[in-house]
Amino acid sequence: MPTGGDVHLGYVWVIQANGDDIGHVVVTLRFLMEYGGLIACLDDLYVAPPWRNQGLSTAALAEVRHFCEGVGVRAMTVEGFGNGAAQKVYRRLGFDEAHDRQLLALSLASPSHVVTT
């Protein structure tokens, strides 16, 4: 079940195993004219390394999808397909390339954190 403050901005799910917090899913919301309503942007999906490859990401995203459908979210998106393992999880849930889309970004501030691989 999602946790957090302002549901107008998005939701956070904490992934647990054996009573321990081992990951999270962060979804932000935005209105998109094309869909005539809110879409959910999968902002972050993380599972601690010892818990990976056990189906937890897939199960968490399935729950997120079910929740989003239930609250009337019209579509889900995810950026950054550089992570091959994550891409497999996304595709398993039905995410596909948007052939008519190209993402452009304009940074207005420095990132609040830096992800290194």
PDB file of N, CA and C in Angstrom:
ATOM      1  N   MET A   1       0.853  -1.175   0.000  1.00  0.00           N
ATOM      2  CA  MET A   1       0.000   0.000   0.000  1.00  0.00           C
ATOM      3  C   MET A   1       0.894   1.232   0.000  1.00  0.00           C
ATOM      4  N   PRO A   2       0.552   2.237  -0.761  1.00  0.00           N
ATOM      5  CA  PRO A   2       1.403   3.423  -0.834  1.00  0.00           C
ATOM      6  C   PRO A   2       1.441   4.174   0.491  1.00  0.00           C
ATOM      7  N   THR A   3       2.533   4.859   0.682  1.00  0.00           N
ATOM      8  CA  THR A   3       2.685   5.711   1.856  1.00  0.00           C
ATOM      9  C   THR A   3       3.043   7.103   1.381  1.00  0.00           C
ATOM     10  N   GLY A   4       2.971   8.081   2.249  1.00  0.00           N
ATOM     11  CA  GLY A   4       3.448   9.395   1.870  1.00  0.00           C
ATOM     12  C   GLY A   4       2.441  10.484   2.126  1.00  0.00           C
ATOM     13  N   GLY A   5       2.834  11.704   1.748  1.00  0.00           N
ATOM     14  CA  GLY A   5       2.071  12.903   2.035  1.00  0.00           C
ATOM     15  C   GLY A   5       1.054  13.271   0.979  1.00  0.00           C
ATOM     16  N   ASP A   6       1.426  14.088   0.032  1.00  0.00           N
ATOM     17  CA  ASP A   6       0.514  14.698  -0.917  1.00  0.00           C
ATOM     18  C   ASP A   6       0.231  13.761  -2.094  1.00  0.00           C
ATOM     19  N   VAL A   7      -0.959  13.177  -2.122  1.00  0.00           N
ATOM     20  CA  VAL A   7      -1.295  12.240  -3.190  1.00  0.00           C
ATOM     21  C   VAL A   7      -1.455  12.940  -4.533  1.00  0.00           C
ATOM     22  N   HIS A   8      -1.457  14.261  -4.549  1.00  0.00           N
ATOM     23  CA  HIS A   8      -1.498  14.984  -5.820  1.00  0.00           C
ATOM     24  C   HIS A   8      -0.158  14.893  -6.548  1.00  0.00           C
ATOM     25  N   LEU A   9       0.894  14.585  -5.817  1.00  0.00           N
ATOM     26  CA  LEU A   9       2.226  14.500  -6.396  1.00  0.00           C
ATOM     27  C   LEU A   9       2.633  13.081  -6.737  1.00  0.00           C
ATOM     28  N   GLY A  10       2.166  12.105  -5.978  1.00  0.00           N
ATOM     29  CA  GLY A  10       2.541  10.733  -6.253  1.00  0.00           C
ATOM     30  C   GLY A  10       2.433   9.847  -5.037  1.00  0.00           C
ATOM     31  N   TYR A  11       3.059   8.691  -5.144  1.00  0.00           N
ATOM     32  CA  TYR A  11       2.967   7.663  -4.109  1.00  0.00           C
ATOM     33  C   TYR A  11       4.319   6.969  -3.940  1.00  0.00           C
ATOM     34  N   VAL A  12       4.517   6.399  -2.748  1.00  0.00           N
ATOM     35  CA  VAL A  12       5.704   5.601  -2.454  1.00  0.00           C
ATOM     36  C   VAL A  12       5.243   4.286  -1.847  1.00  0.00           C
ATOM     37  N   TRP A  13       5.763   3.189  -2.363  1.00  0.00           N
ATOM     38  CA  TRP A  13       5.531   1.866  -1.788  1.00  0.00           C
ATOM     39  C   TRP A  13       6.860   1.380  -1.222  1.00  0.00           C
ATOM     40  N   VAL A  14       6.825   0.770  -0.057  1.00  0.00           N
ATOM     41  CA  VAL A  14       8.009   0.155   0.538  1.00  0.00           C
ATOM     42  C   VAL A  14       7.899  -1.347   0.305  1.00  0.00           C
ATOM     43  N   ILE A  15       8.933  -1.923  -0.269  1.00  0.00           N
ATOM     44  CA  ILE A  15       8.969  -3.363  -0.530  1.00  0.00           C
ATOM     45  C   ILE A  15       9.577  -4.032   0.695  1.00  0.00           C
ATOM     46  N   GLN A  16       8.881  -5.037   1.206  1.00  0.00           N
ATOM     47  CA  GLN A  16       9.350  -5.732   2.404  1.00  0.00           C
ATOM     48  C   GLN A  16       9.499  -7.222   2.132  1.00  0.00           C
ATOM     49  N   ALA A  17      10.429  -7.818   2.853  1.00  0.00           N
ATOM     50  CA  ALA A  17      10.629  -9.264   2.836  1.00  0.00           C
ATOM     51  C   ALA A  17      11.045  -9.679   4.232  1.00  0.00           C
ATOM     52  N   ASN A  18      10.396 -10.672   4.753  1.00  0.00           N
ATOM     53  CA  ASN A  18      10.692 -11.158   6.106  1.00  0.00           C
ATOM     54  C   ASN A  18      10.664 -10.037   7.144  1.00  0.00           C
ATOM     55  N   GLY A  19       9.760  -9.078   6.959  1.00  0.00           N
ATOM     56  CA  GLY A  19       9.614  -7.989   7.908  1.00  0.00           C
ATOM     57  C   GLY A  19      10.629  -6.868   7.769  1.00  0.00           C
ATOM     58  N   ASP A  20      11.533  -6.974   6.801  1.00  0.00           N
ATOM     59  CA  ASP A  20      12.547  -5.937   6.587  1.00  0.00           C
ATOM     60  C   ASP A  20      12.205  -5.106   5.355  1.00  0.00           C
ATOM     61  N   ASP A  21      12.509  -3.809   5.402  1.00  0.00           N
ATOM     62  CA  ASP A  21      12.376  -2.943   4.232  1.00  0.00           C
ATOM     63  C   ASP A  21      13.563  -3.213   3.319  1.00  0.00           C
ATOM     64  N   ILE A  22      13.290  -3.699   2.120  1.00  0.00           N
ATOM     65  CA  ILE A  22      14.383  -4.086   1.225  1.00  0.00           C
ATOM     66  C   ILE A  22      14.327  -3.357  -0.117  1.00  0.00           C
ATOM     67  N   GLY A  23      13.371  -2.447  -0.269  1.00  0.00           N
ATOM     68  CA  GLY A  23      13.285  -1.701  -1.514  1.00  0.00           C
ATOM     69  C   GLY A  23      12.125  -0.745  -1.514  1.00  0.00           C
ATOM     70  N   HIS A  24      11.925  -0.100  -2.659  1.00  0.00           N
ATOM     71  CA  HIS A  24      10.824   0.854  -2.781  1.00  0.00           C
ATOM     72  C   HIS A  24      10.450   1.081  -4.243  1.00  0.00           C
ATOM     73  N   VAL A  25       9.248   1.600  -4.422  1.00  0.00           N
ATOM     74  CA  VAL A  25       8.778   2.066  -5.720  1.00  0.00           C
ATOM     75  C   VAL A  25       8.262   3.485  -5.498  1.00  0.00           C
ATOM     76  N   VAL A  26       8.697   4.412  -6.343  1.00  0.00           N
ATOM     77  CA  VAL A  26       8.240   5.795  -6.275  1.00  0.00           C
ATOM     78  C   VAL A  26       7.553   6.134  -7.589  1.00  0.00           C
ATOM     79  N   VAL A  27       6.322   6.617  -7.486  1.00  0.00           N
ATOM     80  CA  VAL A  27       5.528   7.002  -8.655  1.00  0.00           C
ATOM     81  C   VAL A  27       5.127   8.460  -8.485  1.00  0.00           C
ATOM     82  N   THR A  28       5.391   9.274  -9.506  1.00  0.00           N
ATOM     83  CA  THR A  28       4.923  10.645  -9.515  1.00  0.00           C
ATOM     84  C   THR A  28       3.775  10.754 -10.507  1.00  0.00           C
ATOM     85  N   LEU A  29       2.922  11.743 -10.297  1.00  0.00           N
ATOM     86  CA  LEU A  29       1.748  11.912 -11.148  1.00  0.00           C
ATOM     87  C   LEU A  29       1.842  13.197 -11.955  1.00  0.00           C
ATOM     88  N   ARG A  30       1.271  13.158 -13.146  1.00  0.00           N
ATOM     89  CA  ARG A  30       1.134  14.371 -13.942  1.00  0.00           C
ATOM     90  C   ARG A  30      -0.051  14.219 -14.879  1.00  0.00           C
ATOM     91  N   PHE A  31      -0.603  15.336 -15.277  1.00  0.00           N
ATOM     92  CA  PHE A  31      -1.728  15.335 -16.198  1.00  0.00           C
ATOM     93  C   PHE A  31      -1.181  15.334 -17.610  1.00  0.00           C
ATOM     94  N   LEU A  32      -1.765  14.514 -18.466  1.00  0.00           N
ATOM     95  CA  LEU A  32      -1.340  14.462 -19.861  1.00  0.00           C
ATOM     96  C   LEU A  32      -2.582  14.580 -20.743  1.00  0.00           C
ATOM     97  N   MET A  33      -2.609  15.608 -21.563  1.00  0.00           N
ATOM     98  CA  MET A  33      -3.763  15.869 -22.432  1.00  0.00           C
ATOM     99  C   MET A  33      -4.103  14.654 -23.288  1.00  0.00           C
ATOM    100  N   GLU A  34      -3.081  13.995 -23.814  1.00  0.00           N
ATOM    101  CA  GLU A  34      -3.294  12.848 -24.704  1.00  0.00           C
ATOM    102  C   GLU A  34      -4.179  11.783 -24.062  1.00  0.00           C
ATOM    103  N   TYR A  35      -4.009  11.577 -22.768  1.00  0.00           N
ATOM    104  CA  TYR A  35      -4.785  10.566 -22.052  1.00  0.00           C
ATOM    105  C   TYR A  35      -6.006  11.148 -21.348  1.00  0.00           C
ATOM    106  N   GLY A  36      -6.116  12.447 -21.348  1.00  0.00           N
ATOM    107  CA  GLY A  36      -7.257  13.088 -20.720  1.00  0.00           C
ATOM    108  C   GLY A  36      -7.332  12.868 -19.222  1.00  0.00           C
ATOM    109  N   GLY A  37      -6.183  12.786 -18.596  1.00  0.00           N
ATOM    110  CA  GLY A  37      -6.162  12.568 -17.156  1.00  0.00           C
ATOM    111  C   GLY A  37      -4.756  12.350 -16.649  1.00  0.00           C
ATOM    112  N   LEU A  38      -4.689  11.810 -15.430  1.00  0.00           N
ATOM    113  CA  LEU A  38      -3.399  11.591 -14.785  1.00  0.00           C
ATOM    114  C   LEU A  38      -2.687  10.375 -15.353  1.00  0.00           C
ATOM    115  N   ILE A  39      -1.361  10.517 -15.463  1.00  0.00           N
ATOM    116  CA  ILE A  39      -0.529   9.365 -15.752  1.00  0.00           C
ATOM    117  C   ILE A  39       0.457   9.211 -14.605  1.00  0.00           C
ATOM    118  N   ALA A  40       0.902   7.993 -14.386  1.00  0.00           N
ATOM    119  CA  ALA A  40       1.863   7.685 -13.331  1.00  0.00           C
ATOM    120  C   ALA A  40       3.230   7.502 -13.972  1.00  0.00           C
ATOM    121  N   CYS A  41       4.201   8.237 -13.480  1.00  0.00           N
ATOM    122  CA  CYS A  41       5.571   8.132 -13.966  1.00  0.00           C
ATOM    123  C   CYS A  41       6.365   7.332 -12.932  1.00  0.00           C
ATOM    124  N   LEU A  42       6.839   6.164 -13.335  1.00  0.00           N
ATOM    125  CA  LEU A  42       7.645   5.341 -12.442  1.00  0.00           C
ATOM    126  C   LEU A  42       8.991   6.031 -12.273  1.00  0.00           C
ATOM    127  N   ASP A  43       9.167   6.693 -11.145  1.00  0.00           N
ATOM    128  CA  ASP A  43      10.341   7.520 -10.908  1.00  0.00           C
ATOM    129  C   ASP A  43      11.510   6.711 -10.358  1.00  0.00           C
ATOM    130  N   ASP A  44      11.228   5.728  -9.508  1.00  0.00           N
ATOM    131  CA  ASP A  44      12.317   4.951  -8.913  1.00  0.00           C
ATOM    132  C   ASP A  44      11.814   3.576  -8.500  1.00  0.00           C
ATOM    133  N   LEU A  45      12.583   2.573  -8.839  1.00  0.00           N
ATOM    134  CA  LEU A  45      12.342   1.197  -8.409  1.00  0.00           C
ATOM    135  C   LEU A  45      13.668   0.672  -7.897  1.00  0.00           C
ATOM    136  N   TYR A  46      13.679   0.251  -6.638  1.00  0.00           N
ATOM    137  CA  TYR A  46      14.912  -0.246  -6.047  1.00  0.00           C
ATOM    138  C   TYR A  46      14.615  -1.465  -5.196  1.00  0.00           C
ATOM    139  N   VAL A  47      15.450  -2.487  -5.361  1.00  0.00           N
ATOM    140  CA  VAL A  47      15.444  -3.665  -4.492  1.00  0.00           C
ATOM    141  C   VAL A  47      16.898  -3.912  -4.103  1.00  0.00           C
ATOM    142  N   ALA A  48      17.159  -4.087  -2.820  1.00  0.00           N
ATOM    143  CA  ALA A  48      18.521  -4.321  -2.334  1.00  0.00           C
ATOM    144  C   ALA A  48      19.126  -5.540  -3.025  1.00  0.00           C
ATOM    145  N   PRO A  49      20.418  -5.478  -3.355  1.00  0.00           N
ATOM    146  CA  PRO A  49      21.062  -6.557  -4.116  1.00  0.00           C
ATOM    147  C   PRO A  49      20.808  -7.983  -3.617  1.00  0.00           C
ATOM    148  N   PRO A  50      20.835  -8.258  -2.303  1.00  0.00           N
ATOM    149  CA  PRO A  50      20.606  -9.647  -1.887  1.00  0.00           C
ATOM    150  C   PRO A  50      19.205 -10.173  -2.223  1.00  0.00           C
ATOM    151  N   TRP A  51      18.280  -9.272  -2.503  1.00  0.00           N
ATOM    152  CA  TRP A  51      16.888  -9.649  -2.740  1.00  0.00           C
ATOM    153  C   TRP A  51      16.506  -9.614  -4.220  1.00  0.00           C
ATOM    154  N   ARG A  52      17.432  -9.302  -5.088  1.00  0.00           N
ATOM    155  CA  ARG A  52      17.131  -9.211  -6.517  1.00  0.00           C
ATOM    156  C   ARG A  52      16.971 -10.595  -7.134  1.00  0.00           C
ATOM    157  N   ASN A  53      16.316 -10.630  -8.283  1.00  0.00           N
ATOM    158  CA  ASN A  53      16.091 -11.868  -9.057  1.00  0.00           C
ATOM    159  C   ASN A  53      15.243 -12.881  -8.295  1.00  0.00           C
ATOM    160  N   GLN A  54      14.329 -12.380  -7.479  1.00  0.00           N
ATOM    161  CA  GLN A  54      13.421 -13.256  -6.752  1.00  0.00           C
ATOM    162  C   GLN A  54      11.961 -12.914  -7.045  1.00  0.00           C
ATOM    163  N   GLY A  55      11.743 -12.053  -8.044  1.00  0.00           N
ATOM    164  CA  GLY A  55      10.385 -11.695  -8.434  1.00  0.00           C
ATOM    165  C   GLY A  55       9.773 -10.562  -7.639  1.00  0.00           C
ATOM    166  N   LEU A  56      10.529  -9.959  -6.736  1.00  0.00           N
ATOM    167  CA  LEU A  56       9.980  -8.898  -5.888  1.00  0.00           C
ATOM    168  C   LEU A  56       9.667  -7.630  -6.681  1.00  0.00           C
ATOM    169  N   SER A  57      10.524  -7.260  -7.619  1.00  0.00           N
ATOM    170  CA  SER A  57      10.262  -6.076  -8.445  1.00  0.00           C
ATOM    171  C   SER A  57       9.007  -6.277  -9.287  1.00  0.00           C
ATOM    172  N   THR A  58       8.893  -7.433  -9.894  1.00  0.00           N
ATOM    173  CA  THR A  58       7.724  -7.730 -10.722  1.00  0.00           C
ATOM    174  C   THR A  58       6.454  -7.698  -9.882  1.00  0.00           C
ATOM    175  N   ALA A  59       6.495  -8.308  -8.711  1.00  0.00           N
ATOM    176  CA  ALA A  59       5.322  -8.321  -7.831  1.00  0.00           C
ATOM    177  C   ALA A  59       4.971  -6.911  -7.376  1.00  0.00           C
ATOM    178  N   ALA A  60       5.986  -6.113  -7.034  1.00  0.00           N
ATOM    179  CA  ALA A  60       5.729  -4.744  -6.584  1.00  0.00           C
ATOM    180  C   ALA A  60       5.113  -3.919  -7.700  1.00  0.00           C
ATOM    181  N   LEU A  61       5.639  -4.036  -8.907  1.00  0.00           N
ATOM    182  CA  LEU A  61       5.092  -3.265 -10.023  1.00  0.00           C
ATOM    183  C   LEU A  61       3.691  -3.731 -10.398  1.00  0.00           C
ATOM    184  N   ALA A  62       3.415  -5.005 -10.247  1.00  0.00           N
ATOM    185  CA  ALA A  62       2.055  -5.493 -10.504  1.00  0.00           C
ATOM    186  C   ALA A  62       1.081  -4.865  -9.507  1.00  0.00           C
ATOM    187  N   GLU A  63       1.497  -4.745  -8.246  1.00  0.00           N
ATOM    188  CA  GLU A  63       0.650  -4.102  -7.241  1.00  0.00           C
ATOM    189  C   GLU A  63       0.463  -2.625  -7.552  1.00  0.00           C
ATOM    190  N   VAL A  64       1.532  -1.953  -7.963  1.00  0.00           N
ATOM    191  CA  VAL A  64       1.451  -0.542  -8.322  1.00  0.00           C
ATOM    192  C   VAL A  64       0.496  -0.361  -9.505  1.00  0.00           C
ATOM    193  N   ARG A  65       0.627  -1.214 -10.509  1.00  0.00           N
ATOM    194  CA  ARG A  65      -0.261  -1.125 -11.672  1.00  0.00           C
ATOM    195  C   ARG A  65      -1.726  -1.301 -11.244  1.00  0.00           C
ATOM    196  N   HIS A  66      -1.986  -2.298 -10.426  1.00  0.00           N
ATOM    197  CA  HIS A  66      -3.351  -2.557  -9.959  1.00  0.00           C
ATOM    198  C   HIS A  66      -3.890  -1.345  -9.193  1.00  0.00           C
ATOM    199  N   PHE A  67      -3.070  -0.771  -8.329  1.00  0.00           N
ATOM    200  CA  PHE A  67      -3.470   0.414  -7.573  1.00  0.00           C
ATOM    201  C   PHE A  67      -3.791   1.566  -8.518  1.00  0.00           C
ATOM    202  N   CYS A  68      -2.896   1.823  -9.482  1.00  0.00           N
ATOM    203  CA  CYS A  68      -3.092   2.936 -10.412  1.00  0.00           C
ATOM    204  C   CYS A  68      -4.378   2.761 -11.221  1.00  0.00           C
ATOM    205  N   GLU A  69      -4.632   1.555 -11.675  1.00  0.00           N
ATOM    206  CA  GLU A  69      -5.881   1.296 -12.398  1.00  0.00           C
ATOM    207  C   GLU A  69      -7.078   1.606 -11.501  1.00  0.00           C
ATOM    208  N   GLY A  70      -6.975   1.240 -10.242  1.00  0.00           N
ATOM    209  CA  GLY A  70      -8.073   1.431  -9.305  1.00  0.00           C
ATOM    210  C   GLY A  70      -8.378   2.880  -8.975  1.00  0.00           C
ATOM    211  N   VAL A  71      -7.373   3.756  -9.048  1.00  0.00           N
ATOM    212  CA  VAL A  71      -7.601   5.164  -8.734  1.00  0.00           C
ATOM    213  C   VAL A  71      -7.786   6.019  -9.985  1.00  0.00           C
ATOM    214  N   GLY A  72      -7.879   5.371 -11.138  1.00  0.00           N
ATOM    215  CA  GLY A  72      -8.191   6.097 -12.363  1.00  0.00           C
ATOM    216  C   GLY A  72      -7.013   6.655 -13.133  1.00  0.00           C
ATOM    217  N   VAL A  73      -5.802   6.224 -12.813  1.00  0.00           N
ATOM    218  CA  VAL A  73      -4.634   6.649 -13.591  1.00  0.00           C
ATOM    219  C   VAL A  73      -4.779   6.067 -14.996  1.00  0.00           C
ATOM    220  N   ARG A  74      -4.508   6.883 -16.009  1.00  0.00           N
ATOM    221  CA  ARG A  74      -4.794   6.523 -17.403  1.00  0.00           C
ATOM    222  C   ARG A  74      -3.651   5.808 -18.116  1.00  0.00           C
ATOM    223  N   ALA A  75      -2.418   5.961 -17.621  1.00  0.00           N
ATOM    224  CA  ALA A  75      -1.258   5.307 -18.237  1.00  0.00           C
ATOM    225  C   ALA A  75      -0.104   5.346 -17.246  1.00  0.00           C
ATOM    226  N   MET A  76       0.883   4.507 -17.500  1.00  0.00           N
ATOM    227  CA  MET A  76       2.113   4.521 -16.708  1.00  0.00           C
ATOM    228  C   MET A  76       3.292   4.663 -17.660  1.00  0.00           C
ATOM    229  N   THR A  77       4.305   5.424 -17.240  1.00  0.00           N
ATOM    230  CA  THR A  77       5.513   5.582 -18.040  1.00  0.00           C
ATOM    231  C   THR A  77       6.733   5.301 -17.168  1.00  0.00           C
ATOM    232  N   VAL A  78       7.844   5.015 -17.834  1.00  0.00           N
ATOM    233  CA  VAL A  78       9.126   4.852 -17.156  1.00  0.00           C
ATOM    234  C   VAL A  78      10.207   5.347 -18.110  1.00  0.00           C
ATOM    235  N   GLU A  79      11.214   6.004 -17.568  1.00  0.00           N
ATOM    236  CA  GLU A  79      12.341   6.496 -18.351  1.00  0.00           C
ATOM    237  C   GLU A  79      13.580   5.671 -18.044  1.00  0.00           C
ATOM    238  N   GLY A  80      14.565   5.788 -18.905  1.00  0.00           N
ATOM    239  CA  GLY A  80      15.874   5.238 -18.607  1.00  0.00           C
ATOM    240  C   GLY A  80      15.981   3.746 -18.760  1.00  0.00           C
ATOM    241  N   PHE A  81      16.022   3.298 -19.984  1.00  0.00           N
ATOM    242  CA  PHE A  81      16.120   1.868 -20.230  1.00  0.00           C
ATOM    243  C   PHE A  81      17.568   1.383 -20.272  1.00  0.00           C
ATOM    244  N   GLY A  82      18.507   2.129 -19.693  1.00  0.00           N
ATOM    245  CA  GLY A  82      19.898   1.708 -19.695  1.00  0.00           C
ATOM    246  C   GLY A  82      20.159   0.467 -18.854  1.00  0.00           C
ATOM    247  N   ASN A  83      19.290   0.186 -17.909  1.00  0.00           N
ATOM    248  CA  ASN A  83      19.447  -0.963 -17.025  1.00  0.00           C
ATOM    249  C   ASN A  83      18.692  -2.144 -17.628  1.00  0.00           C
ATOM    250  N   GLY A  84      19.433  -3.076 -18.203  1.00  0.00           N
ATOM    251  CA  GLY A  84      18.823  -4.210 -18.891  1.00  0.00           C
ATOM    252  C   GLY A  84      17.956  -5.079 -17.999  1.00  0.00           C
ATOM    253  N   ALA A  85      18.381  -5.327 -16.765  1.00  0.00           N
ATOM    254  CA  ALA A  85      17.588  -6.147 -15.848  1.00  0.00           C
ATOM    255  C   ALA A  85      16.267  -5.464 -15.526  1.00  0.00           C
ATOM    256  N   ALA A  86      16.317  -4.154 -15.285  1.00  0.00           N
ATOM    257  CA  ALA A  86      15.084  -3.414 -14.992  1.00  0.00           C
ATOM    258  C   ALA A  86      14.170  -3.400 -16.210  1.00  0.00           C
ATOM    259  N   GLN A  87      14.747  -3.264 -17.394  1.00  0.00           N
ATOM    260  CA  GLN A  87      13.938  -3.246 -18.614  1.00  0.00           C
ATOM    261  C   GLN A  87      13.153  -4.549 -18.763  1.00  0.00           C
ATOM    262  N   LYS A  88      13.756  -5.665 -18.421  1.00  0.00           N
ATOM    263  CA  LYS A  88      13.053  -6.952 -18.486  1.00  0.00           C
ATOM    264  C   LYS A  88      11.841  -6.956 -17.556  1.00  0.00           C
ATOM    265  N   VAL A  89      12.012  -6.392 -16.360  1.00  0.00           N
ATOM    266  CA  VAL A  89      10.904  -6.315 -15.403  1.00  0.00           C
ATOM    267  C   VAL A  89       9.799  -5.441 -15.977  1.00  0.00           C
ATOM    268  N   TYR A  90      10.160  -4.274 -16.509  1.00  0.00           N
ATOM    269  CA  TYR A  90       9.158  -3.363 -17.064  1.00  0.00           C
ATOM    270  C   TYR A  90       8.396  -4.022 -18.212  1.00  0.00           C
ATOM    271  N   ARG A  91       9.104  -4.678 -19.088  1.00  0.00           N
ATOM    272  CA  ARG A  91       8.457  -5.323 -20.240  1.00  0.00           C
ATOM    273  C   ARG A  91       7.546  -6.471 -19.796  1.00  0.00           C
ATOM    274  N   ARG A  92       7.956  -7.185 -18.752  1.00  0.00           N
ATOM    275  CA  ARG A  92       7.115  -8.253 -18.216  1.00  0.00           C
ATOM    276  C   ARG A  92       5.744  -7.731 -17.798  1.00  0.00           C
ATOM    277  N   LEU A  93       5.715  -6.487 -17.326  1.00  0.00           N
ATOM    278  CA  LEU A  93       4.475  -5.877 -16.861  1.00  0.00           C
ATOM    279  C   LEU A  93       3.701  -5.206 -17.985  1.00  0.00           C
ATOM    280  N   GLY A  94       4.246  -5.204 -19.212  1.00  0.00           N
ATOM    281  CA  GLY A  94       3.537  -4.635 -20.345  1.00  0.00           C
ATOM    282  C   GLY A  94       4.059  -3.302 -20.846  1.00  0.00           C
ATOM    283  N   PHE A  95       5.087  -2.747 -20.205  1.00  0.00           N
ATOM    284  CA  PHE A  95       5.676  -1.516 -20.723  1.00  0.00           C
ATOM    285  C   PHE A  95       6.304  -1.797 -22.081  1.00  0.00           C
ATOM    286  N   ASP A  96       6.171  -0.866 -22.998  1.00  0.00           N
ATOM    287  CA  ASP A  96       6.734  -1.011 -24.336  1.00  0.00           C
ATOM    288  C   ASP A  96       7.235   0.347 -24.788  1.00  0.00           C
ATOM    289  N   GLU A  97       8.106   0.338 -25.792  1.00  0.00           N
ATOM    290  CA  GLU A  97       8.620   1.601 -26.310  1.00  0.00           C
ATOM    291  C   GLU A  97       7.490   2.405 -26.935  1.00  0.00           C
ATOM    292  N   ALA A  98       7.519   3.702 -26.680  1.00  0.00           N
ATOM    293  CA  ALA A  98       6.569   4.610 -27.326  1.00  0.00           C
ATOM    294  C   ALA A  98       7.241   5.109 -28.597  1.00  0.00           C
ATOM    295  N   HIS A  99       6.911   4.481 -29.708  1.00  0.00           N
ATOM    296  CA  HIS A  99       7.609   4.741 -30.969  1.00  0.00           C
ATOM    297  C   HIS A  99       7.439   6.177 -31.455  1.00  0.00           C
ATOM    298  N   ASP A 100       6.402   6.847 -31.003  1.00  0.00           N
ATOM    299  CA  ASP A 100       6.169   8.212 -31.453  1.00  0.00           C
ATOM    300  C   ASP A 100       6.647   9.239 -30.432  1.00  0.00           C
ATOM    301  N   ARG A 101       7.527   8.849 -29.530  1.00  0.00           N
ATOM    302  CA  ARG A 101       7.982   9.733 -28.462  1.00  0.00           C
ATOM    303  C   ARG A 101       9.505   9.841 -28.453  1.00  0.00           C
ATOM    304  N   GLN A 102       9.964  11.032 -28.108  1.00  0.00           N
ATOM    305  CA  GLN A 102      11.373  11.267 -27.850  1.00  0.00           C
ATOM    306  C   GLN A 102      11.446  12.156 -26.631  1.00  0.00           C
ATOM    307  N   LEU A 103      12.184  11.747 -25.636  1.00  0.00           N
ATOM    308  CA  LEU A 103      12.295  12.512 -24.405  1.00  0.00           C
ATOM    309  C   LEU A 103      13.396  13.560 -24.542  1.00  0.00           C
ATOM    310  N   LEU A 104      13.043  14.796 -24.290  1.00  0.00           N
ATOM    311  CA  LEU A 104      14.002  15.890 -24.222  1.00  0.00           C
ATOM    312  C   LEU A 104      13.923  16.463 -22.807  1.00  0.00           C
ATOM    313  N   ALA A 105      15.046  16.899 -22.261  1.00  0.00           N
ATOM    314  CA  ALA A 105      15.052  17.437 -20.905  1.00  0.00           C
ATOM    315  C   ALA A 105      15.863  18.723 -20.858  1.00  0.00           C
ATOM    316  N   LEU A 106      15.462  19.621 -20.000  1.00  0.00           N
ATOM    317  CA  LEU A 106      16.166  20.866 -19.748  1.00  0.00           C
ATOM    318  C   LEU A 106      16.385  20.955 -18.246  1.00  0.00           C
ATOM    319  N   SER A 107      17.621  20.821 -17.799  1.00  0.00           N
ATOM    320  CA  SER A 107      17.927  20.903 -16.373  1.00  0.00           C
ATOM    321  C   SER A 107      17.836  22.344 -15.906  1.00  0.00           C
ATOM    322  N   LEU A 108      17.080  22.570 -14.858  1.00  0.00           N
ATOM    323  CA  LEU A 108      16.957  23.894 -14.264  1.00  0.00           C
ATOM    324  C   LEU A 108      17.680  23.972 -12.926  1.00  0.00           C
ATOM    325  N   ALA A 109      18.166  22.839 -12.442  1.00  0.00           N
ATOM    326  CA  ALA A 109      18.928  22.762 -11.192  1.00  0.00           C
ATOM    327  C   ALA A 109      19.766  21.490 -11.237  1.00  0.00           C
ATOM    328  N   SER A 110      20.774  21.434 -10.392  1.00  0.00           N
ATOM    329  CA  SER A 110      21.596  20.236 -10.298  1.00  0.00           C
ATOM    330  C   SER A 110      20.784  19.104  -9.691  1.00  0.00           C
ATOM    331  N   PRO A 111      21.081  17.862 -10.086  1.00  0.00           N
ATOM    332  CA  PRO A 111      20.381  16.730  -9.466  1.00  0.00           C
ATOM    333  C   PRO A 111      20.600  16.708  -7.960  1.00  0.00           C
ATOM    334  N   SER A 112      19.592  16.233  -7.230  1.00  0.00           N
ATOM    335  CA  SER A 112      19.734  16.163  -5.774  1.00  0.00           C
ATOM    336  C   SER A 112      20.591  14.989  -5.357  1.00  0.00           C
ATOM    337  N   HIS A 113      20.784  14.031  -6.257  1.00  0.00           N
ATOM    338  CA  HIS A 113      21.674  12.908  -5.994  1.00  0.00           C
ATOM    339  C   HIS A 113      22.244  12.423  -7.312  1.00  0.00           C
ATOM    340  N   VAL A 114      23.336  11.737  -7.250  1.00  0.00           N
ATOM    341  CA  VAL A 114      23.988  11.224  -8.437  1.00  0.00           C
ATOM    342  C   VAL A 114      23.966   9.706  -8.368  1.00  0.00           C
ATOM    343  N   VAL A 115      23.502   9.080  -9.424  1.00  0.00           N
ATOM    344  CA  VAL A 115      23.463   7.629  -9.482  1.00  0.00           C
ATOM    345  C   VAL A 115      24.720   7.163 -10.214  1.00  0.00           C
ATOM    346  N   THR A 116      25.462   6.271  -9.588  1.00  0.00           N
ATOM    347  CA  THR A 116      26.651   5.711 -10.222  1.00  0.00           C
ATOM    348  C   THR A 116      26.442   4.226 -10.431  1.00  0.00           C
ATOM    349  N   THR A 117      27.029   3.736 -11.472  1.00  0.00           N
ATOM    350  CA  THR A 117      26.897   2.290 -11.757  1.00  0.00           C
ATOM    351  C   THR A 117      28.213   1.604 -11.670  1.00  0.00           C
TER     352      THR A 117
END
